[in-house]
Amino acid sequence: MALGNPILANIVMIGALCTIGELPVGRDAFRNVVARTLPAEKLDVNLQAYDEGGRILRRCS
């Protein structure tokens, strides 16, 4: 999946780390933080990046 912005790589990593339990942050908590801290138009792409991190790990395992 091409997210179109290399800065989202850190969000992909957060999603991956959350998927394997290394960061105790669920998707809902992540969504709430992003919704409070970033402009509304950035929410969807950040959630896509978070989800992509989990998908990448599932494909590799």
N, C-alpha and C. Protein backbone atom coordinates (compact mmCIF):
# COMPACT_ATOMS: atom_id res chain seq x y z
N MET A 1 0.84 -1.18 0.00
CA MET A 1 0.00 0.00 0.00
C MET A 1 0.89 1.24 0.00
N ALA A 2 0.67 2.09 -0.91
CA ALA A 2 1.42 3.35 -0.97
C ALA A 2 0.59 4.43 -0.30
N LEU A 3 1.09 4.96 0.79
CA LEU A 3 0.36 6.00 1.51
C LEU A 3 0.70 7.39 1.00
N GLY A 4 1.75 7.49 0.19
CA GLY A 4 2.05 8.75 -0.46
C GLY A 4 2.84 9.76 0.35
N ASN A 5 3.21 9.42 1.57
CA ASN A 5 3.96 10.36 2.39
C ASN A 5 4.92 9.59 3.29
N PRO A 6 6.22 9.74 3.08
CA PRO A 6 7.19 8.96 3.87
C PRO A 6 7.10 9.23 5.37
N ILE A 7 6.57 10.36 5.76
CA ILE A 7 6.47 10.66 7.19
C ILE A 7 5.53 9.68 7.90
N LEU A 8 4.66 9.02 7.14
CA LEU A 8 3.73 8.06 7.73
C LEU A 8 4.40 6.75 8.11
N ALA A 9 5.67 6.57 7.75
CA ALA A 9 6.38 5.34 8.11
C ALA A 9 6.39 5.15 9.62
N ASN A 10 6.50 6.23 10.38
CA ASN A 10 6.49 6.08 11.83
C ASN A 10 5.14 5.58 12.33
N ILE A 11 4.06 5.95 11.68
CA ILE A 11 2.74 5.48 12.08
C ILE A 11 2.57 4.01 11.70
N VAL A 12 3.12 3.61 10.56
CA VAL A 12 3.12 2.19 10.18
C VAL A 12 3.84 1.38 11.26
N MET A 13 4.97 1.88 11.73
CA MET A 13 5.72 1.18 12.78
C MET A 13 4.94 1.13 14.08
N ILE A 14 4.26 2.19 14.43
CA ILE A 14 3.43 2.17 15.64
C ILE A 14 2.36 1.10 15.52
N GLY A 15 1.71 1.03 14.37
CA GLY A 15 0.69 0.00 14.16
C GLY A 15 1.27 -1.40 14.26
N ALA A 16 2.46 -1.59 13.71
CA ALA A 16 3.11 -2.90 13.77
C ALA A 16 3.45 -3.26 15.22
N LEU A 17 4.03 -2.32 15.94
CA LEU A 17 4.40 -2.59 17.34
C LEU A 17 3.18 -2.84 18.21
N CYS A 18 2.10 -2.16 17.94
CA CYS A 18 0.87 -2.40 18.69
C CYS A 18 0.30 -3.78 18.37
N THR A 19 0.43 -4.19 17.13
CA THR A 19 -0.09 -5.49 16.71
C THR A 19 0.60 -6.63 17.45
N ILE A 20 1.90 -6.50 17.69
CA ILE A 20 2.62 -7.57 18.38
C ILE A 20 2.67 -7.35 19.89
N GLY A 21 2.02 -6.31 20.38
CA GLY A 21 1.93 -6.08 21.81
C GLY A 21 3.11 -5.35 22.43
N GLU A 22 4.00 -4.84 21.62
CA GLU A 22 5.15 -4.11 22.16
C GLU A 22 4.77 -2.71 22.64
N LEU A 23 3.72 -2.17 22.09
CA LEU A 23 3.17 -0.90 22.57
C LEU A 23 1.74 -1.17 23.01
N PRO A 24 1.42 -0.86 24.24
CA PRO A 24 0.07 -1.16 24.75
C PRO A 24 -0.95 -0.09 24.35
N VAL A 25 -1.10 0.10 23.05
CA VAL A 25 -2.03 1.11 22.53
C VAL A 25 -2.95 0.44 21.52
N GLY A 26 -4.22 0.40 21.83
CA GLY A 26 -5.17 -0.16 20.89
C GLY A 26 -5.53 0.84 19.80
N ARG A 27 -6.18 0.35 18.78
CA ARG A 27 -6.55 1.22 17.65
C ARG A 27 -7.47 2.35 18.10
N ASP A 28 -8.40 2.06 18.99
CA ASP A 28 -9.32 3.11 19.44
C ASP A 28 -8.57 4.22 20.18
N ALA A 29 -7.63 3.84 21.03
CA ALA A 29 -6.84 4.84 21.75
C ALA A 29 -5.99 5.65 20.77
N PHE A 30 -5.40 4.96 19.81
CA PHE A 30 -4.60 5.66 18.80
C PHE A 30 -5.48 6.65 18.04
N ARG A 31 -6.64 6.20 17.63
CA ARG A 31 -7.57 7.07 16.89
C ARG A 31 -7.93 8.30 17.71
N ASN A 32 -8.21 8.11 18.98
CA ASN A 32 -8.59 9.23 19.84
C ASN A 32 -7.47 10.26 19.95
N VAL A 33 -6.24 9.79 20.10
CA VAL A 33 -5.10 10.70 20.20
C VAL A 33 -4.91 11.47 18.90
N VAL A 34 -4.96 10.75 17.78
CA VAL A 34 -4.78 11.40 16.48
C VAL A 34 -5.90 12.43 16.25
N ALA A 35 -7.11 12.05 16.59
CA ALA A 35 -8.25 12.96 16.39
C ALA A 35 -8.11 14.23 17.23
N ARG A 36 -7.50 14.11 18.41
CA ARG A 36 -7.33 15.28 19.27
C ARG A 36 -6.13 16.15 18.89
N THR A 37 -5.14 15.56 18.24
CA THR A 37 -3.89 16.29 18.03
C THR A 37 -3.63 16.75 16.60
N LEU A 38 -4.23 16.10 15.63
CA LEU A 38 -3.98 16.46 14.24
C LEU A 38 -5.24 17.04 13.60
N PRO A 39 -5.07 17.77 12.52
CA PRO A 39 -6.25 18.26 11.79
C PRO A 39 -7.12 17.08 11.31
N ALA A 40 -8.41 17.29 11.26
CA ALA A 40 -9.36 16.22 10.92
C ALA A 40 -9.03 15.54 9.60
N GLU A 41 -8.51 16.29 8.63
CA GLU A 41 -8.22 15.69 7.32
C GLU A 41 -7.04 14.72 7.37
N LYS A 42 -6.31 14.67 8.46
CA LYS A 42 -5.17 13.75 8.60
C LYS A 42 -5.56 12.43 9.28
N LEU A 43 -6.75 12.36 9.84
CA LEU A 43 -7.16 11.18 10.60
C LEU A 43 -7.17 9.92 9.76
N ASP A 44 -7.85 9.94 8.63
CA ASP A 44 -8.00 8.73 7.82
C ASP A 44 -6.66 8.17 7.36
N VAL A 45 -5.77 9.01 6.87
CA VAL A 45 -4.49 8.51 6.37
C VAL A 45 -3.64 7.95 7.51
N ASN A 46 -3.74 8.53 8.70
CA ASN A 46 -3.00 7.99 9.83
C ASN A 46 -3.56 6.65 10.29
N LEU A 47 -4.87 6.50 10.25
CA LEU A 47 -5.47 5.20 10.58
C LEU A 47 -5.11 4.15 9.54
N GLN A 48 -5.06 4.55 8.27
CA GLN A 48 -4.64 3.62 7.22
C GLN A 48 -3.21 3.16 7.46
N ALA A 49 -2.34 4.09 7.83
CA ALA A 49 -0.94 3.75 8.09
C ALA A 49 -0.83 2.83 9.30
N TYR A 50 -1.56 3.11 10.35
CA TYR A 50 -1.58 2.26 11.55
C TYR A 50 -2.01 0.84 11.17
N ASP A 51 -3.10 0.73 10.43
CA ASP A 51 -3.61 -0.58 10.01
C ASP A 51 -2.63 -1.29 9.09
N GLU A 52 -1.94 -0.55 8.25
CA GLU A 52 -0.96 -1.16 7.34
C GLU A 52 0.16 -1.83 8.12
N GLY A 53 0.58 -1.24 9.21
CA GLY A 53 1.60 -1.86 10.05
C GLY A 53 1.19 -3.25 10.52
N GLY A 54 -0.05 -3.39 10.93
CA GLY A 54 -0.56 -4.70 11.34
C GLY A 54 -0.65 -5.66 10.18
N ARG A 55 -1.08 -5.18 9.02
CA ARG A 55 -1.19 -6.05 7.84
C ARG A 55 0.18 -6.56 7.41
N ILE A 56 1.18 -5.70 7.45
CA ILE A 56 2.53 -6.11 7.05
C ILE A 56 3.00 -7.25 7.95
N LEU A 57 2.82 -7.11 9.25
CA LEU A 57 3.27 -8.17 10.17
C LEU A 57 2.51 -9.47 9.94
N ARG A 58 1.23 -9.38 9.71
CA ARG A 58 0.45 -10.61 9.48
C ARG A 58 0.89 -11.31 8.20
N ARG A 59 1.28 -10.55 7.18
CA ARG A 59 1.76 -11.17 5.94
C ARG A 59 3.11 -11.84 6.15
N CYS A 60 3.91 -11.31 7.05
CA CYS A 60 5.26 -11.83 7.28
C CYS A 60 5.28 -13.02 8.23
N SER A 61 4.22 -13.25 8.95
CA SER A 61 4.25 -14.35 9.93
C SER A 61 3.63 -15.61 9.40
